[in-house]
Amino acid sequence: MKSVTTDPAQAVVARPFDALLEFLGAGLNTLLDIGCGTGALSDELAQQGYSVTALDPQIGEGVLASRVRGSAHALPLADDTFDCTLLHWSLHHVPQDSMGQALDEACRVLRKGGTLCVVEPEPVGSWQVVTQDFHDETEVQALAIQALERTLLRQPHTRRRGYYLSEDRYPDFKAFVTDMMSLAYNRYSRDDICHPRVVRAFESCAARGEYVLHQRIRMESFSMIPKAVGVSNDDR
């Protein structure tokens, strides 16, 4: 059964790695995972046979993917190096004034005809309803989309898009708070999370003795066309 659908209204629950693997498909070898965090996803991709370089300003330890410490807007890597550059839930974490530069860098290190893959959460689903009072990323997610569209105006390409739902399950509200406080990018307090509105929204997600939160994820793949060959073909 397929995990990824082209119709956002028909998105189904999938494990993020399974959805990504299905969406990437065959034919890619070398891959740069930009903004990879600890590199856990990078190691999973390497386990599937990709030659992966994991890049992050605070890269963690790992044994499968090679690790490079660096920033998305100034990749310490050579031109024309990778078959695929991947920004997996990371573009909206790049500082606003550096998003365009980060995307330009992701394109710079691609080989001719390479693929840029951008995976971003959307403010759709129960996750958004629960977190919007203390961690609403709607604006920064929109800015990421705008930066991507501006970059693609300069890059002849073909485009694919797919969707799935991420799912998080919690035994109780305390576990949810612990999870949210563990995120490295949090800019909120425990009191912010424990606001009565948040508690009520969380409790509305009860299902068979646990609490289930969903968020829609958009996956986009851009196969770059050498500029001498053609012009942009946006087949959304």
Foldseek 3Di string as FASTA:
>chain_A
DQQKDQDLVPAEEDDVLSNVDVVVDDDFAEEEEAQCAQCPSVQVVQVVHHAYEYEECDYHDDDRHHYDHDHLLDDPDAFQAGLEYEHAQNLLVHPLVRSLSSVVSRNRNHHAQHKYKYKHWACDWLVNQLCVQFDHSHVSSVSNVVSVVVNVQVFAWEKDKIKHKYKDKFLAVVRVLVVQVPDPPHPGDSVSNPPPSSRVSQVVQDDPNIGMIITMMMMMMIGTHPPVPDGHDYPD
